[in-house]
């Protein structure tokens, strides 16, 4: 589990014909505990208190705490109470050749290197 908290801000915009967004979460019981996740149609990068904790191709899954169901990026909204899970990518997707297609750089984040889940 990467984080548990409430979505407190959602930003969506269209860039070069693609929907892009960012959600900001705060932890339960500690408003200083934060997570930011950027997404187009999937969650790409998660920062916990400003530090990268998960990037594609590892999966960043947002689950509704009330029902346990996944929250797709178009369903993200203010006030949702969620858990954020990180699931490691298969080894085939973490090779340099694969990362050129499915890593952060392939989505416009050339300055962010893939960091496998710990």
Protein backbone atom coordinates (compact mmCIF):
# COMPACT_ATOMS: atom_id res chain seq x y z
CA UNK A 1 0.00 0.00 0.00
CA UNK A 2 1.37 3.37 -1.01
CA UNK A 3 -1.19 5.66 0.66
CA UNK A 4 -4.63 5.98 2.30
CA UNK A 5 -6.45 9.27 2.27
CA UNK A 6 -8.95 11.62 0.70
CA UNK A 7 -8.79 13.31 -2.70
CA UNK A 8 -8.71 17.05 -2.00
CA UNK A 9 -7.93 18.47 -5.44
CA UNK A 10 -8.37 17.35 -9.04
CA UNK A 11 -7.04 19.22 -12.05
CA UNK A 12 -7.91 18.25 -15.62
CA UNK A 13 -6.83 19.92 -18.87
CA UNK A 14 -6.48 19.13 -22.55
CA UNK A 15 -2.91 19.20 -23.92
CA UNK A 16 -2.30 18.56 -27.64
CA UNK A 17 -5.66 16.81 -27.88
CA UNK A 18 -5.13 14.55 -24.86
CA UNK A 19 -6.81 14.79 -21.48
CA UNK A 20 -4.24 15.10 -18.70
CA UNK A 21 -4.75 15.48 -15.01
CA UNK A 22 -3.41 15.52 -11.50
CA UNK A 23 -4.97 14.53 -8.21
CA UNK A 24 -3.83 15.55 -4.77
CA UNK A 25 -4.61 13.52 -1.66
CA UNK A 26 -4.15 14.11 2.06
CA UNK A 27 -3.74 11.37 4.64
CA UNK A 28 -6.30 10.46 7.23
CA UNK A 29 -5.50 12.09 10.54
CA UNK A 30 -2.42 13.92 9.22
CA UNK A 31 -3.00 16.75 6.76
CA UNK A 32 0.78 17.07 6.28
CA UNK A 33 0.83 13.59 4.69
CA UNK A 34 0.22 14.08 0.96
CA UNK A 35 0.26 12.22 -2.31
CA UNK A 36 0.12 13.62 -5.84
CA UNK A 37 -0.62 11.42 -8.85
CA UNK A 38 -0.44 12.55 -12.48
CA UNK A 39 -2.48 10.83 -15.16
CA UNK A 40 -3.69 11.02 -18.73
CA UNK A 41 -5.98 7.96 -18.97
CA UNK A 42 -3.90 5.94 -16.48
CA UNK A 43 -1.96 6.79 -13.35
CA UNK A 44 1.65 7.50 -14.34
CA UNK A 45 3.63 8.81 -11.39
CA UNK A 46 2.92 9.01 -7.65
CA UNK A 47 4.74 11.33 -5.23
CA UNK A 48 4.43 10.80 -1.48
CA UNK A 49 5.37 13.96 0.43
CA UNK A 50 7.25 15.17 -2.65
CA UNK A 51 9.25 11.97 -3.23
CA UNK A 52 8.55 9.66 -6.17
CA UNK A 53 7.27 6.32 -4.86
CA UNK A 54 5.89 4.69 -8.02
CA UNK A 55 6.13 5.20 -11.78
CA UNK A 56 4.95 3.38 -14.88
CA UNK A 57 5.29 0.61 -15.91
CA UNK A 58 4.54 -0.36 -12.28
CA UNK A 59 0.81 -0.01 -11.72
CA UNK A 60 -0.64 2.72 -9.54
CA UNK A 61 -4.11 1.55 -8.51
CA UNK A 62 -6.61 3.83 -6.75
CA UNK A 63 -9.36 1.98 -4.88
CA UNK A 64 -12.53 3.41 -3.36
CA UNK A 65 -12.33 2.61 0.36
CA UNK A 66 -16.11 2.44 0.73
CA UNK A 67 -16.63 -0.28 -1.90
CA UNK A 68 -13.12 -1.57 -2.65
CA UNK A 69 -13.68 -0.92 -6.34
CA UNK A 70 -11.09 0.65 -8.64
CA UNK A 71 -11.38 4.37 -9.31
CA UNK A 72 -10.68 5.08 -12.97
CA UNK A 73 -9.13 8.43 -13.81
CA UNK A 74 -12.38 9.82 -15.25
CA UNK A 75 -14.12 8.95 -11.96
CA UNK A 76 -11.61 10.79 -9.74
CA UNK A 77 -13.37 13.52 -7.77
CA UNK A 78 -13.01 15.67 -4.71
CA UNK A 79 -13.87 13.96 -1.45
CA UNK A 80 -13.34 10.34 -2.45
CA UNK A 81 -11.71 8.29 0.29
CA UNK A 82 -9.20 6.00 -1.36
CA UNK A 83 -6.31 3.60 -0.95
CA UNK A 84 -3.45 3.77 -3.43
CA UNK A 85 -1.71 0.50 -4.23
CA UNK A 86 1.45 -0.08 -6.22
CA UNK A 87 1.89 -3.31 -8.16
CA UNK A 88 5.26 -4.22 -9.69
CA UNK A 89 5.51 -4.57 -13.47
CA UNK A 90 6.66 -7.86 -14.97
CA UNK A 91 10.41 -8.00 -15.65
CA UNK A 92 9.81 -7.85 -19.43
CA UNK A 93 8.44 -4.30 -19.05
CA UNK A 94 11.43 -3.04 -17.08
CA UNK A 95 14.13 -3.60 -19.70
CA UNK A 96 15.65 -0.48 -21.31
CA UNK A 97 13.95 -1.34 -24.61
CA UNK A 98 10.53 -1.72 -23.00
CA UNK A 99 10.94 1.39 -20.84
CA UNK A 100 11.44 3.44 -24.00
CA UNK A 101 7.81 2.61 -24.80
CA UNK A 102 6.14 2.24 -21.38
CA UNK A 103 8.38 4.19 -18.98
CA UNK A 104 7.85 7.75 -17.73
CA UNK A 105 9.80 9.22 -20.68
CA UNK A 106 7.34 7.70 -23.15
CA UNK A 107 4.61 9.85 -21.56
CA UNK A 108 6.53 13.12 -21.63
CA UNK A 109 8.40 12.81 -18.33
CA UNK A 110 11.92 12.46 -19.75
CA UNK A 111 13.45 13.86 -16.56
CA UNK A 112 11.98 11.06 -14.42
CA UNK A 113 13.63 7.65 -14.46
CA UNK A 114 11.74 4.44 -13.73
CA UNK A 115 12.20 3.45 -10.11
CA UNK A 116 10.99 -0.09 -9.39
CA UNK A 117 8.80 -0.51 -6.32
CA UNK A 118 10.75 -1.35 -3.19
